[in-house]
Amino acid sequence: MPAKFTNITLDEMTTDVLKPAKGWKEVDVNAKEYVFDWTLPRWPGIVVRVYTSISKGSGQGRRKGADAIRICAVDTELNKPLRKFKRLHRVKNWRDNLKARLLEAVQSLRKDFT
């Protein structure tokens, strides 16, 4: 049985996963969707960036099949992308999947910069 699409709101994203209290900050990168950064504590110029697929106009996720949540690493001092990670589909278990993908990204970056 294929996974079922789930619409995600900005409130769900920032309340459930990308919490400001945990260091997530909305950034303006001239995108039509909400984008959030989390800075690696030991490397202040390196961030994990999440492109949420949530439209700035409506605060709702794009329609089914229109886009996925994307995660990458960026060197903000050089304004240079470092790595892309596997995209994340907007399905029922998106919260757990996003948390796991973010943990993988941080662990991978720590390994690269240690």
N, C-alpha and C. Protein backbone atom coordinates (compact mmCIF):
# COMPACT_ATOMS: atom_id res chain seq x y z
N MET A 1 0.85 -1.18 0.00
CA MET A 1 0.00 0.00 0.00
C MET A 1 0.90 1.25 0.00
N PRO A 2 0.69 2.14 -0.95
CA PRO A 2 1.52 3.35 -1.00
C PRO A 2 1.23 4.27 0.18
N ALA A 3 2.26 5.04 0.55
CA ALA A 3 2.11 6.00 1.64
C ALA A 3 1.10 7.07 1.24
N LYS A 4 0.36 7.55 2.21
CA LYS A 4 -0.68 8.54 1.95
C LYS A 4 -0.14 9.95 2.21
N PHE A 5 -0.35 10.83 1.24
CA PHE A 5 0.04 12.22 1.35
C PHE A 5 -0.63 12.87 2.55
N THR A 6 0.12 13.72 3.25
CA THR A 6 -0.40 14.47 4.39
C THR A 6 -0.04 15.94 4.20
N ASN A 7 -1.03 16.81 4.31
CA ASN A 7 -0.75 18.24 4.24
C ASN A 7 -0.12 18.68 5.56
N ILE A 8 0.88 19.54 5.47
CA ILE A 8 1.60 20.01 6.65
C ILE A 8 1.49 21.53 6.71
N THR A 9 1.21 22.05 7.90
CA THR A 9 1.12 23.50 8.07
C THR A 9 2.41 24.03 8.71
N LEU A 10 2.60 25.32 8.59
CA LEU A 10 3.76 25.96 9.20
C LEU A 10 3.73 25.78 10.72
N ASP A 11 2.55 25.90 11.31
CA ASP A 11 2.42 25.74 12.75
C ASP A 11 2.86 24.34 13.19
N GLU A 12 2.44 23.33 12.46
CA GLU A 12 2.85 21.96 12.79
C GLU A 12 4.37 21.81 12.67
N MET A 13 4.92 22.37 11.63
CA MET A 13 6.36 22.24 11.39
C MET A 13 7.16 22.88 12.52
N THR A 14 6.77 24.09 12.94
CA THR A 14 7.55 24.81 13.95
C THR A 14 7.21 24.38 15.38
N THR A 15 6.06 23.81 15.58
CA THR A 15 5.68 23.33 16.91
C THR A 15 6.22 21.92 17.16
N ASP A 16 6.21 21.10 16.12
CA ASP A 16 6.54 19.69 16.29
C ASP A 16 8.00 19.34 16.02
N VAL A 17 8.66 20.05 15.11
CA VAL A 17 10.02 19.65 14.74
C VAL A 17 11.00 20.82 14.74
N LEU A 18 10.77 21.82 13.94
CA LEU A 18 11.72 22.93 13.79
C LEU A 18 11.44 24.01 14.83
N LYS A 19 11.65 23.66 16.08
CA LYS A 19 11.29 24.51 17.21
C LYS A 19 12.31 25.63 17.41
N PRO A 20 11.84 26.87 17.49
CA PRO A 20 12.77 27.97 17.78
C PRO A 20 13.54 27.77 19.08
N ALA A 21 12.91 27.18 20.07
CA ALA A 21 13.57 26.94 21.36
C ALA A 21 14.75 25.97 21.22
N LYS A 22 14.76 25.18 20.16
CA LYS A 22 15.86 24.24 19.91
C LYS A 22 16.91 24.84 18.96
N GLY A 23 16.73 26.10 18.60
CA GLY A 23 17.73 26.78 17.77
C GLY A 23 17.38 26.93 16.30
N TRP A 24 16.21 26.50 15.88
CA TRP A 24 15.80 26.65 14.49
C TRP A 24 15.37 28.09 14.23
N LYS A 25 15.87 28.67 13.14
CA LYS A 25 15.55 30.05 12.78
C LYS A 25 15.06 30.11 11.34
N GLU A 26 13.99 30.85 11.13
CA GLU A 26 13.54 31.08 9.76
C GLU A 26 14.54 32.00 9.07
N VAL A 27 14.88 31.67 7.83
CA VAL A 27 15.81 32.49 7.06
C VAL A 27 15.17 32.91 5.75
N ASP A 28 15.59 34.05 5.25
CA ASP A 28 15.09 34.54 3.97
C ASP A 28 16.14 34.26 2.90
N VAL A 29 15.85 33.31 2.04
CA VAL A 29 16.77 32.95 0.97
C VAL A 29 16.10 33.14 -0.40
N ASN A 30 15.19 34.10 -0.45
CA ASN A 30 14.45 34.40 -1.68
C ASN A 30 13.73 33.18 -2.25
N ALA A 31 13.11 32.42 -1.38
CA ALA A 31 12.32 31.26 -1.79
C ALA A 31 10.85 31.55 -1.54
N LYS A 32 9.98 30.86 -2.26
CA LYS A 32 8.54 31.03 -2.08
C LYS A 32 8.01 30.16 -0.95
N GLU A 33 8.91 29.40 -0.34
CA GLU A 33 8.53 28.53 0.77
C GLU A 33 9.30 28.94 2.02
N TYR A 34 8.82 28.48 3.17
CA TYR A 34 9.51 28.76 4.42
C TYR A 34 10.77 27.90 4.48
N VAL A 35 11.86 28.54 4.92
CA VAL A 35 13.16 27.87 5.02
C VAL A 35 13.71 28.12 6.41
N PHE A 36 14.27 27.07 7.03
CA PHE A 36 14.79 27.17 8.39
C PHE A 36 16.22 26.66 8.45
N ASP A 37 17.03 27.31 9.30
CA ASP A 37 18.42 26.91 9.53
C ASP A 37 18.63 26.54 10.98
N TRP A 38 19.53 25.59 11.18
CA TRP A 38 20.03 25.24 12.50
C TRP A 38 21.54 25.23 12.41
N THR A 39 22.19 26.03 13.24
CA THR A 39 23.64 26.16 13.21
C THR A 39 24.30 25.07 14.04
N LEU A 40 25.31 24.43 13.47
CA LEU A 40 26.08 23.45 14.22
C LEU A 40 26.89 24.20 15.27
N PRO A 41 26.72 23.86 16.54
CA PRO A 41 27.34 24.63 17.62
C PRO A 41 28.87 24.79 17.50
N ARG A 42 29.57 23.77 17.08
CA ARG A 42 31.03 23.86 16.99
C ARG A 42 31.51 24.57 15.73
N TRP A 43 30.63 24.69 14.74
CA TRP A 43 31.00 25.31 13.47
C TRP A 43 29.93 26.34 13.11
N PRO A 44 30.05 27.56 13.65
CA PRO A 44 28.99 28.56 13.48
C PRO A 44 28.70 28.98 12.04
N GLY A 45 29.59 28.70 11.12
CA GLY A 45 29.34 29.05 9.72
C GLY A 45 28.63 27.97 8.94
N ILE A 46 28.38 26.82 9.57
CA ILE A 46 27.74 25.69 8.90
C ILE A 46 26.34 25.50 9.46
N VAL A 47 25.36 25.41 8.57
CA VAL A 47 23.97 25.20 9.00
C VAL A 47 23.37 23.99 8.29
N VAL A 48 22.42 23.39 8.98
CA VAL A 48 21.52 22.42 8.35
C VAL A 48 20.32 23.25 7.94
N ARG A 49 19.98 23.19 6.67
CA ARG A 49 18.87 24.01 6.14
C ARG A 49 17.73 23.10 5.70
N VAL A 50 16.51 23.50 6.06
CA VAL A 50 15.32 22.74 5.69
C VAL A 50 14.41 23.61 4.83
N TYR A 51 14.16 23.14 3.62
CA TYR A 51 13.18 23.75 2.73
C TYR A 51 11.88 23.00 2.97
N THR A 52 10.91 23.67 3.59
CA THR A 52 9.74 22.99 4.12
C THR A 52 8.67 22.59 3.11
N SER A 53 8.66 23.20 1.95
CA SER A 53 7.60 23.04 0.94
C SER A 53 6.28 23.69 1.40
N ILE A 54 6.35 24.52 2.45
CA ILE A 54 5.18 25.23 2.94
C ILE A 54 5.21 26.65 2.36
N SER A 55 4.18 26.98 1.62
CA SER A 55 4.10 28.25 0.90
C SER A 55 4.03 29.44 1.85
N LYS A 56 4.82 30.47 1.55
CA LYS A 56 4.76 31.69 2.35
C LYS A 56 3.42 32.39 2.17
N GLY A 57 2.80 32.20 1.05
CA GLY A 57 1.51 32.84 0.78
C GLY A 57 0.37 32.28 1.60
N SER A 58 0.32 30.95 1.72
CA SER A 58 -0.82 30.32 2.38
C SER A 58 -0.51 29.72 3.74
N GLY A 59 0.76 29.44 4.01
CA GLY A 59 1.12 28.76 5.25
C GLY A 59 0.79 27.28 5.22
N GLN A 60 0.44 26.77 4.04
CA GLN A 60 0.10 25.37 3.85
C GLN A 60 1.14 24.72 2.94
N GLY A 61 1.29 23.41 3.08
CA GLY A 61 2.18 22.66 2.20
C GLY A 61 1.65 22.70 0.78
N ARG A 62 2.54 22.53 -0.17
CA ARG A 62 2.13 22.48 -1.57
C ARG A 62 1.23 21.27 -1.79
N ARG A 63 0.54 21.26 -2.92
CA ARG A 63 -0.38 20.16 -3.21
C ARG A 63 0.37 18.85 -3.40
N LYS A 64 -0.36 17.78 -3.35
CA LYS A 64 0.19 16.44 -3.47
C LYS A 64 1.06 16.33 -4.73
N GLY A 65 2.26 15.81 -4.56
CA GLY A 65 3.16 15.60 -5.68
C GLY A 65 3.90 16.83 -6.16
N ALA A 66 3.62 17.99 -5.57
CA ALA A 66 4.22 19.24 -6.05
C ALA A 66 5.65 19.42 -5.55
N ASP A 67 5.95 18.91 -4.37
CA ASP A 67 7.28 19.11 -3.82
C ASP A 67 7.45 18.24 -2.59
N ALA A 68 8.69 18.11 -2.17
CA ALA A 68 9.02 17.36 -0.96
C ALA A 68 9.78 18.29 -0.02
N ILE A 69 9.93 17.87 1.22
CA ILE A 69 10.76 18.59 2.17
C ILE A 69 12.20 18.26 1.82
N ARG A 70 13.04 19.28 1.76
CA ARG A 70 14.44 19.06 1.38
C ARG A 70 15.37 19.54 2.48
N ILE A 71 16.46 18.81 2.67
CA ILE A 71 17.44 19.11 3.70
C ILE A 71 18.80 19.22 3.03
N CYS A 72 19.56 20.23 3.41
CA CYS A 72 20.92 20.38 2.89
C CYS A 72 21.80 21.02 3.95
N ALA A 73 23.09 21.02 3.68
CA ALA A 73 24.05 21.71 4.54
C ALA A 73 24.62 22.86 3.74
N VAL A 74 24.81 24.01 4.43
CA VAL A 74 25.27 25.22 3.75
C VAL A 74 26.35 25.88 4.59
N ASP A 75 27.40 26.33 3.91
CA ASP A 75 28.42 27.17 4.54
C ASP A 75 27.92 28.60 4.36
N THR A 76 27.45 29.21 5.44
CA THR A 76 26.85 30.55 5.34
C THR A 76 27.90 31.64 5.18
N GLU A 77 29.13 31.36 5.57
CA GLU A 77 30.18 32.38 5.42
C GLU A 77 30.60 32.51 3.96
N LEU A 78 30.62 31.40 3.25
CA LEU A 78 30.98 31.42 1.83
C LEU A 78 29.75 31.40 0.93
N ASN A 79 28.57 31.29 1.55
CA ASN A 79 27.31 31.18 0.82
C ASN A 79 27.40 30.05 -0.21
N LYS A 80 27.83 28.88 0.30
CA LYS A 80 28.11 27.75 -0.57
C LYS A 80 27.42 26.50 -0.05
N PRO A 81 26.68 25.79 -0.92
CA PRO A 81 26.09 24.53 -0.49
C PRO A 81 27.18 23.49 -0.27
N LEU A 82 27.03 22.70 0.78
CA LEU A 82 28.01 21.66 1.09
C LEU A 82 27.53 20.27 0.72
N ARG A 83 26.26 20.01 0.99
CA ARG A 83 25.73 18.68 0.74
C ARG A 83 24.21 18.71 0.71
N LYS A 84 23.64 17.85 -0.13
CA LYS A 84 22.20 17.62 -0.13
C LYS A 84 21.95 16.27 0.52
N PHE A 85 20.84 16.18 1.21
CA PHE A 85 20.45 14.91 1.81
C PHE A 85 19.17 14.43 1.14
N LYS A 86 18.84 13.18 1.34
CA LYS A 86 17.68 12.57 0.70
C LYS A 86 16.40 13.35 1.03
N ARG A 87 15.60 13.60 -0.01
CA ARG A 87 14.35 14.34 0.20
C ARG A 87 13.40 13.55 1.09
N LEU A 88 12.43 14.27 1.62
CA LEU A 88 11.50 13.68 2.56
C LEU A 88 10.09 13.87 2.04
N HIS A 89 9.36 12.80 1.90
CA HIS A 89 7.99 12.87 1.43
C HIS A 89 7.06 13.31 2.55
N ARG A 90 6.00 14.02 2.17
CA ARG A 90 5.03 14.51 3.14
C ARG A 90 3.94 13.46 3.33
N VAL A 91 4.23 12.52 4.21
CA VAL A 91 3.32 11.41 4.49
C VAL A 91 3.01 11.38 5.99
N LYS A 92 2.17 10.43 6.38
CA LYS A 92 1.67 10.35 7.75
C LYS A 92 2.77 10.49 8.81
N ASN A 93 3.88 9.80 8.65
CA ASN A 93 4.95 9.80 9.66
C ASN A 93 6.01 10.85 9.38
N TRP A 94 5.63 11.97 8.77
CA TRP A 94 6.61 12.98 8.37
C TRP A 94 7.42 13.50 9.55
N ARG A 95 6.80 13.64 10.73
CA ARG A 95 7.53 14.18 11.89
C ARG A 95 8.71 13.28 12.27
N ASP A 96 8.42 12.00 12.45
CA ASP A 96 9.48 11.06 12.82
C ASP A 96 10.52 10.95 11.71
N ASN A 97 10.06 10.93 10.47
CA ASN A 97 10.98 10.84 9.34
C ASN A 97 11.88 12.06 9.26
N LEU A 98 11.32 13.25 9.50
CA LEU A 98 12.12 14.48 9.44
C LEU A 98 13.13 14.51 10.59
N LYS A 99 12.70 14.14 11.78
CA LYS A 99 13.63 14.11 12.92
C LYS A 99 14.79 13.15 12.64
N ALA A 100 14.49 11.97 12.11
CA ALA A 100 15.53 10.99 11.81
C ALA A 100 16.47 11.51 10.72
N ARG A 101 15.92 12.14 9.70
CA ARG A 101 16.74 12.66 8.61
C ARG A 101 17.64 13.80 9.09
N LEU A 102 17.11 14.64 9.98
CA LEU A 102 17.92 15.73 10.53
C LEU A 102 19.06 15.19 11.39
N LEU A 103 18.77 14.17 12.19
CA LEU A 103 19.81 13.54 13.01
C LEU A 103 20.90 12.95 12.12
N GLU A 104 20.51 12.28 11.05
CA GLU A 104 21.47 11.73 10.10
C GLU A 104 22.35 12.84 9.51
N ALA A 105 21.71 13.95 9.14
CA ALA A 105 22.45 15.07 8.55
C ALA A 105 23.47 15.63 9.53
N VAL A 106 23.06 15.86 10.76
CA VAL A 106 23.97 16.42 11.77
C VAL A 106 25.11 15.44 12.05
N GLN A 107 24.81 14.17 12.20
CA GLN A 107 25.86 13.18 12.45
C GLN A 107 26.84 13.11 11.29
N SER A 108 26.35 13.17 10.09
CA SER A 108 27.20 13.14 8.91
C SER A 108 28.12 14.36 8.86
N LEU A 109 27.58 15.53 9.16
CA LEU A 109 28.39 16.74 9.14
C LEU A 109 29.41 16.74 10.26
N ARG A 110 29.04 16.28 11.45
CA ARG A 110 29.99 16.20 12.56
C ARG A 110 31.16 15.29 12.20
N LYS A 111 30.85 14.19 11.53
CA LYS A 111 31.89 13.26 11.11
C LYS A 111 32.84 13.93 10.11
N ASP A 112 32.29 14.70 9.20
CA ASP A 112 33.09 15.38 8.18
C ASP A 112 33.98 16.47 8.75
N PHE A 113 33.51 17.14 9.81
CA PHE A 113 34.24 18.29 10.34
C PHE A 113 35.01 17.99 11.62
N THR A 114 35.09 16.74 11.99
CA THR A 114 35.83 16.39 13.21
C THR A 114 37.23 15.91 12.86
